[in-house]
Structures are given as structure tokens and as C-alpha cells.
Amino acid sequence: MKLIRAIIRPEKEQDVVLALEGADFPSITKAHVFGRGKQKGLQVGPVHYDMLAKVLLFMVVEDSDLEKVMAVISDSAKTGFIGDGKVFVSDVEEAYTVRTGETGL
């Protein structure tokens, strides 16, 4: 299993979530966060915005679905401008359901 953490633009949140649901990946956790990437914020005239609003999506998927999920996220989140986001992928060793104690997805 893989844990996907996608940091995306807030205005692309609905596009990404709907695209993932349409591709049959409905299980998503999201959080509204602030941060900055390599561009170190945003300069608008004399004002520097150090931390920008972003949305952080969390998903756990089977290894075989990783490539498909990455394509959906990339296609639906991309604007072509700096700050489109970043996706981090990590291995998940085990998952437990709190209510039942079941393991796995």
C-alpha cells in the first residue's frame, strides 16, 4: 500500500476530488494548510506573502493503483504555473480499522 500526500492549490481542490471520485478513488482526507515551496512565497508589489494557502490531500491506495492516482492528481491539479503543488508517496506497512480491529484497506 502507498500513502499519497498531495499539496495542491485551493482553487483546484474540487477538480482533484471530483476527478479522483470519478476514477473510483473516493476515500480522501483533506486539510487546509499554509506553506511555501521553492519560490519562497509570493511577491505582489511591495508586499511579500511568505505562507500561501494550500490543500493537503491524504490517500492510501494499493501499489497497483499508484500510477493511475498520480495521473489523475497531476492532470486535474496542474495549471502550468509555479505553485501547482507537490505529491509525496510513502510505503504503508499496515492499516487498522479502529471500530473492528480489521487490518488492511
N, C-alpha and C. Protein backbone atom coordinates (compact mmCIF):
# COMPACT_ATOMS: atom_id res chain seq x y z
N MET A 1 0.84 -1.18 0.00
CA MET A 1 0.00 0.00 0.00
C MET A 1 0.88 1.24 0.00
N LYS A 2 0.35 2.31 -0.54
CA LYS A 2 1.07 3.58 -0.61
C LYS A 2 0.24 4.69 0.03
N LEU A 3 0.92 5.57 0.77
CA LEU A 3 0.30 6.77 1.30
C LEU A 3 0.67 7.91 0.38
N ILE A 4 -0.34 8.59 -0.14
CA ILE A 4 -0.13 9.73 -1.03
C ILE A 4 -0.51 10.99 -0.27
N ARG A 5 0.41 11.94 -0.25
CA ARG A 5 0.14 13.26 0.34
C ARG A 5 0.33 14.27 -0.78
N ALA A 6 -0.76 14.86 -1.22
CA ALA A 6 -0.72 15.82 -2.33
C ALA A 6 -1.02 17.22 -1.80
N ILE A 7 -0.09 18.13 -2.02
CA ILE A 7 -0.28 19.53 -1.65
C ILE A 7 -0.65 20.26 -2.93
N ILE A 8 -1.85 20.84 -2.95
CA ILE A 8 -2.36 21.46 -4.18
C ILE A 8 -2.90 22.86 -3.90
N ARG A 9 -3.17 23.58 -4.98
CA ARG A 9 -3.79 24.91 -4.88
C ARG A 9 -5.22 24.76 -4.37
N PRO A 10 -5.69 25.66 -3.50
CA PRO A 10 -7.07 25.57 -3.00
C PRO A 10 -8.11 25.63 -4.11
N GLU A 11 -7.84 26.40 -5.15
CA GLU A 11 -8.82 26.54 -6.23
C GLU A 11 -8.93 25.28 -7.10
N LYS A 12 -8.00 24.35 -6.94
CA LYS A 12 -8.04 23.09 -7.70
C LYS A 12 -8.58 21.93 -6.87
N GLU A 13 -8.89 22.18 -5.60
CA GLU A 13 -9.36 21.13 -4.70
C GLU A 13 -10.56 20.37 -5.25
N GLN A 14 -11.60 21.08 -5.64
CA GLN A 14 -12.81 20.42 -6.13
C GLN A 14 -12.53 19.63 -7.41
N ASP A 15 -11.74 20.18 -8.30
CA ASP A 15 -11.39 19.47 -9.54
C ASP A 15 -10.69 18.14 -9.24
N VAL A 16 -9.74 18.17 -8.31
CA VAL A 16 -8.98 16.97 -7.97
C VAL A 16 -9.87 15.94 -7.28
N VAL A 17 -10.64 16.38 -6.30
CA VAL A 17 -11.52 15.46 -5.56
C VAL A 17 -12.54 14.81 -6.49
N LEU A 18 -13.17 15.59 -7.35
CA LEU A 18 -14.15 15.03 -8.29
C LEU A 18 -13.50 14.08 -9.28
N ALA A 19 -12.30 14.40 -9.73
CA ALA A 19 -11.59 13.52 -10.66
C ALA A 19 -11.22 12.20 -9.98
N LEU A 20 -10.80 12.25 -8.73
CA LEU A 20 -10.47 11.03 -8.00
C LEU A 20 -11.72 10.18 -7.77
N GLU A 21 -12.82 10.83 -7.41
CA GLU A 21 -14.08 10.10 -7.22
C GLU A 21 -14.52 9.46 -8.54
N GLY A 22 -14.39 10.20 -9.63
CA GLY A 22 -14.76 9.69 -10.94
C GLY A 22 -13.90 8.53 -11.40
N ALA A 23 -12.67 8.46 -10.89
CA ALA A 23 -11.76 7.36 -11.23
C ALA A 23 -11.88 6.22 -10.21
N ASP A 24 -12.92 6.28 -9.36
CA ASP A 24 -13.22 5.24 -8.37
C ASP A 24 -12.22 5.21 -7.22
N PHE A 25 -11.77 6.39 -6.78
CA PHE A 25 -10.93 6.53 -5.59
C PHE A 25 -11.60 7.52 -4.64
N PRO A 26 -12.69 7.12 -3.98
CA PRO A 26 -13.48 8.06 -3.18
C PRO A 26 -12.92 8.35 -1.78
N SER A 27 -12.00 7.54 -1.26
CA SER A 27 -11.51 7.72 0.11
C SER A 27 -10.38 8.74 0.15
N ILE A 28 -10.70 9.92 0.67
CA ILE A 28 -9.73 11.02 0.72
C ILE A 28 -9.89 11.73 2.06
N THR A 29 -8.78 12.13 2.64
CA THR A 29 -8.78 13.01 3.80
C THR A 29 -8.13 14.30 3.35
N LYS A 30 -8.73 15.43 3.74
CA LYS A 30 -8.14 16.70 3.31
C LYS A 30 -8.01 17.65 4.49
N ALA A 31 -7.01 18.52 4.39
CA ALA A 31 -6.75 19.53 5.40
C ALA A 31 -6.34 20.82 4.71
N HIS A 32 -6.81 21.92 5.25
CA HIS A 32 -6.39 23.22 4.73
C HIS A 32 -5.13 23.63 5.49
N VAL A 33 -4.08 23.93 4.76
CA VAL A 33 -2.78 24.21 5.36
C VAL A 33 -2.18 25.47 4.75
N PHE A 34 -1.09 25.93 5.33
CA PHE A 34 -0.33 27.05 4.79
C PHE A 34 1.11 26.61 4.62
N GLY A 35 1.75 27.09 3.57
CA GLY A 35 3.14 26.73 3.37
C GLY A 35 3.72 27.46 2.17
N ARG A 36 4.93 27.06 1.84
CA ARG A 36 5.59 27.64 0.68
C ARG A 36 6.56 26.60 0.12
N GLY A 37 6.86 26.74 -1.14
CA GLY A 37 7.78 25.83 -1.79
C GLY A 37 9.07 26.54 -2.14
N LYS A 38 9.67 26.11 -3.24
CA LYS A 38 10.95 26.68 -3.67
C LYS A 38 10.86 28.16 -3.98
N GLN A 39 9.66 28.62 -4.36
CA GLN A 39 9.52 30.03 -4.74
C GLN A 39 9.54 30.95 -3.52
N LYS A 40 9.50 30.36 -2.31
CA LYS A 40 9.58 31.10 -1.04
C LYS A 40 8.51 32.16 -0.90
N GLY A 41 7.29 31.81 -1.25
CA GLY A 41 6.18 32.74 -1.10
C GLY A 41 5.87 33.46 -2.40
N LEU A 42 5.24 34.62 -2.25
CA LEU A 42 4.76 35.37 -3.40
C LEU A 42 4.99 36.85 -3.17
N GLN A 43 5.55 37.53 -4.15
CA GLN A 43 5.79 38.97 -4.08
C GLN A 43 4.76 39.67 -4.95
N VAL A 44 3.94 40.52 -4.35
CA VAL A 44 2.96 41.32 -5.09
C VAL A 44 3.26 42.78 -4.78
N GLY A 45 3.92 43.44 -5.72
CA GLY A 45 4.36 44.82 -5.47
C GLY A 45 5.31 44.83 -4.29
N PRO A 46 5.08 45.73 -3.32
CA PRO A 46 5.96 45.79 -2.16
C PRO A 46 5.63 44.76 -1.07
N VAL A 47 4.53 44.02 -1.25
CA VAL A 47 4.09 43.08 -0.22
C VAL A 47 4.58 41.67 -0.53
N HIS A 48 5.17 41.01 0.49
CA HIS A 48 5.64 39.64 0.35
C HIS A 48 4.75 38.73 1.19
N TYR A 49 4.14 37.74 0.53
CA TYR A 49 3.32 36.75 1.23
C TYR A 49 4.19 35.51 1.42
N ASP A 50 4.61 35.28 2.65
CA ASP A 50 5.54 34.21 2.96
C ASP A 50 4.86 32.84 2.93
N MET A 51 3.70 32.72 3.50
CA MET A 51 2.98 31.46 3.56
C MET A 51 1.69 31.57 2.75
N LEU A 52 1.48 30.61 1.86
CA LEU A 52 0.32 30.62 0.98
C LEU A 52 -0.64 29.51 1.37
N ALA A 53 -1.93 29.75 1.16
CA ALA A 53 -2.95 28.74 1.45
C ALA A 53 -2.81 27.59 0.46
N LYS A 54 -2.89 26.38 0.97
CA LYS A 54 -2.84 25.16 0.16
C LYS A 54 -3.82 24.16 0.74
N VAL A 55 -4.08 23.09 0.00
CA VAL A 55 -4.90 21.98 0.49
C VAL A 55 -4.03 20.74 0.47
N LEU A 56 -4.07 19.98 1.55
CA LEU A 56 -3.30 18.75 1.66
C LEU A 56 -4.27 17.58 1.61
N LEU A 57 -4.12 16.74 0.59
CA LEU A 57 -4.97 15.55 0.43
C LEU A 57 -4.16 14.32 0.84
N PHE A 58 -4.79 13.44 1.61
CA PHE A 58 -4.18 12.18 2.03
C PHE A 58 -4.99 11.03 1.45
N MET A 59 -4.31 10.05 0.91
CA MET A 59 -4.97 8.84 0.39
C MET A 59 -4.06 7.65 0.61
N VAL A 60 -4.66 6.51 0.88
CA VAL A 60 -3.91 5.25 0.89
C VAL A 60 -4.49 4.39 -0.22
N VAL A 61 -3.62 3.92 -1.11
CA VAL A 61 -4.06 3.13 -2.26
C VAL A 61 -3.19 1.88 -2.40
N GLU A 62 -3.71 0.93 -3.11
CA GLU A 62 -2.92 -0.27 -3.42
C GLU A 62 -1.76 0.11 -4.33
N ASP A 63 -0.66 -0.61 -4.24
CA ASP A 63 0.51 -0.33 -5.07
C ASP A 63 0.16 -0.29 -6.55
N SER A 64 -0.73 -1.18 -6.97
CA SER A 64 -1.09 -1.28 -8.39
C SER A 64 -1.88 -0.07 -8.88
N ASP A 65 -2.47 0.72 -7.96
CA ASP A 65 -3.26 1.90 -8.33
C ASP A 65 -2.46 3.19 -8.31
N LEU A 66 -1.21 3.14 -7.86
CA LEU A 66 -0.42 4.36 -7.68
C LEU A 66 -0.29 5.17 -8.96
N GLU A 67 0.08 4.53 -10.04
CA GLU A 67 0.29 5.25 -11.30
C GLU A 67 -0.98 5.95 -11.77
N LYS A 68 -2.13 5.27 -11.65
CA LYS A 68 -3.41 5.84 -12.07
C LYS A 68 -3.78 7.05 -11.20
N VAL A 69 -3.62 6.91 -9.89
CA VAL A 69 -3.94 8.01 -8.98
C VAL A 69 -3.03 9.21 -9.25
N MET A 70 -1.75 8.96 -9.46
CA MET A 70 -0.82 10.05 -9.76
C MET A 70 -1.21 10.79 -11.04
N ALA A 71 -1.64 10.05 -12.05
CA ALA A 71 -2.07 10.68 -13.31
C ALA A 71 -3.31 11.53 -13.09
N VAL A 72 -4.25 11.04 -12.31
CA VAL A 72 -5.48 11.80 -12.04
C VAL A 72 -5.15 13.08 -11.28
N ILE A 73 -4.32 12.98 -10.25
CA ILE A 73 -3.95 14.17 -9.48
C ILE A 73 -3.20 15.17 -10.35
N SER A 74 -2.21 14.71 -11.09
CA SER A 74 -1.42 15.61 -11.95
C SER A 74 -2.28 16.30 -12.99
N ASP A 75 -3.13 15.53 -13.66
CA ASP A 75 -3.96 16.10 -14.72
C ASP A 75 -4.97 17.12 -14.19
N SER A 76 -5.54 16.85 -13.02
CA SER A 76 -6.60 17.72 -12.51
C SER A 76 -6.08 18.89 -11.67
N ALA A 77 -4.84 18.81 -11.16
CA ALA A 77 -4.30 19.88 -10.32
C ALA A 77 -3.43 20.87 -11.08
N LYS A 78 -2.97 20.48 -12.24
CA LYS A 78 -1.98 21.28 -12.98
C LYS A 78 -2.60 22.53 -13.61
N THR A 79 -1.94 23.68 -13.39
CA THR A 79 -2.30 24.91 -14.08
C THR A 79 -1.17 25.35 -15.01
N GLY A 80 0.04 24.83 -14.75
CA GLY A 80 1.19 25.22 -15.54
C GLY A 80 1.98 26.37 -14.95
N PHE A 81 1.56 26.85 -13.78
CA PHE A 81 2.23 27.96 -13.13
C PHE A 81 2.94 27.49 -11.86
N ILE A 82 3.91 28.28 -11.42
CA ILE A 82 4.61 27.99 -10.17
C ILE A 82 3.59 27.88 -9.05
N GLY A 83 3.79 26.89 -8.18
CA GLY A 83 2.90 26.73 -7.03
C GLY A 83 1.78 25.73 -7.25
N ASP A 84 1.86 24.95 -8.33
CA ASP A 84 0.82 23.95 -8.58
C ASP A 84 0.79 22.87 -7.50
N GLY A 85 1.90 22.61 -6.85
CA GLY A 85 1.89 21.67 -5.74
C GLY A 85 2.98 20.63 -5.81
N LYS A 86 2.87 19.67 -4.90
CA LYS A 86 3.86 18.61 -4.77
C LYS A 86 3.13 17.38 -4.23
N VAL A 87 3.58 16.19 -4.67
CA VAL A 87 3.00 14.95 -4.20
C VAL A 87 4.10 14.09 -3.60
N PHE A 88 3.84 13.59 -2.40
CA PHE A 88 4.79 12.72 -1.71
C PHE A 88 4.16 11.33 -1.59
N VAL A 89 4.94 10.30 -1.85
CA VAL A 89 4.45 8.93 -1.79
C VAL A 89 5.32 8.15 -0.81
N SER A 90 4.66 7.45 0.13
CA SER A 90 5.37 6.66 1.14
C SER A 90 4.76 5.27 1.21
N ASP A 91 5.55 4.32 1.65
CA ASP A 91 5.04 2.97 1.88
C ASP A 91 4.20 2.93 3.16
N VAL A 92 3.15 2.12 3.13
CA VAL A 92 2.32 1.87 4.31
C VAL A 92 2.47 0.39 4.65
N GLU A 93 2.93 0.12 5.84
CA GLU A 93 3.15 -1.27 6.23
C GLU A 93 1.86 -1.97 6.63
N GLU A 94 0.97 -1.24 7.30
CA GLU A 94 -0.26 -1.86 7.79
C GLU A 94 -1.30 -0.79 8.04
N ALA A 95 -2.57 -1.18 7.98
CA ALA A 95 -3.68 -0.29 8.31
C ALA A 95 -4.64 -1.04 9.22
N TYR A 96 -5.16 -0.36 10.21
CA TYR A 96 -6.08 -0.97 11.17
C TYR A 96 -7.37 -0.16 11.21
N THR A 97 -8.49 -0.83 11.21
CA THR A 97 -9.78 -0.17 11.39
C THR A 97 -10.08 -0.12 12.89
N VAL A 98 -10.26 1.07 13.44
CA VAL A 98 -10.43 1.25 14.87
C VAL A 98 -11.66 0.49 15.40
N ARG A 99 -12.78 0.62 14.72
CA ARG A 99 -14.03 0.03 15.21
C ARG A 99 -13.98 -1.49 15.26
N THR A 100 -13.43 -2.13 14.23
CA THR A 100 -13.49 -3.58 14.12
C THR A 100 -12.17 -4.29 14.41
N GLY A 101 -11.07 -3.55 14.35
CA GLY A 101 -9.77 -4.17 14.52
C GLY A 101 -9.25 -4.87 13.28
N GLU A 102 -9.98 -4.76 12.17
CA GLU A 102 -9.55 -5.37 10.91
C GLU A 102 -8.25 -4.73 10.44
N THR A 103 -7.46 -5.52 9.68
CA THR A 103 -6.23 -4.99 9.11
C THR A 103 -6.39 -4.90 7.60
N GLY A 104 -5.57 -4.06 6.98
CA GLY A 104 -5.63 -3.87 5.53
C GLY A 104 -6.52 -2.69 5.18
N LEU A 105 -6.66 -2.43 3.88
CA LEU A 105 -7.52 -1.32 3.45
C LEU A 105 -8.96 -1.68 3.68
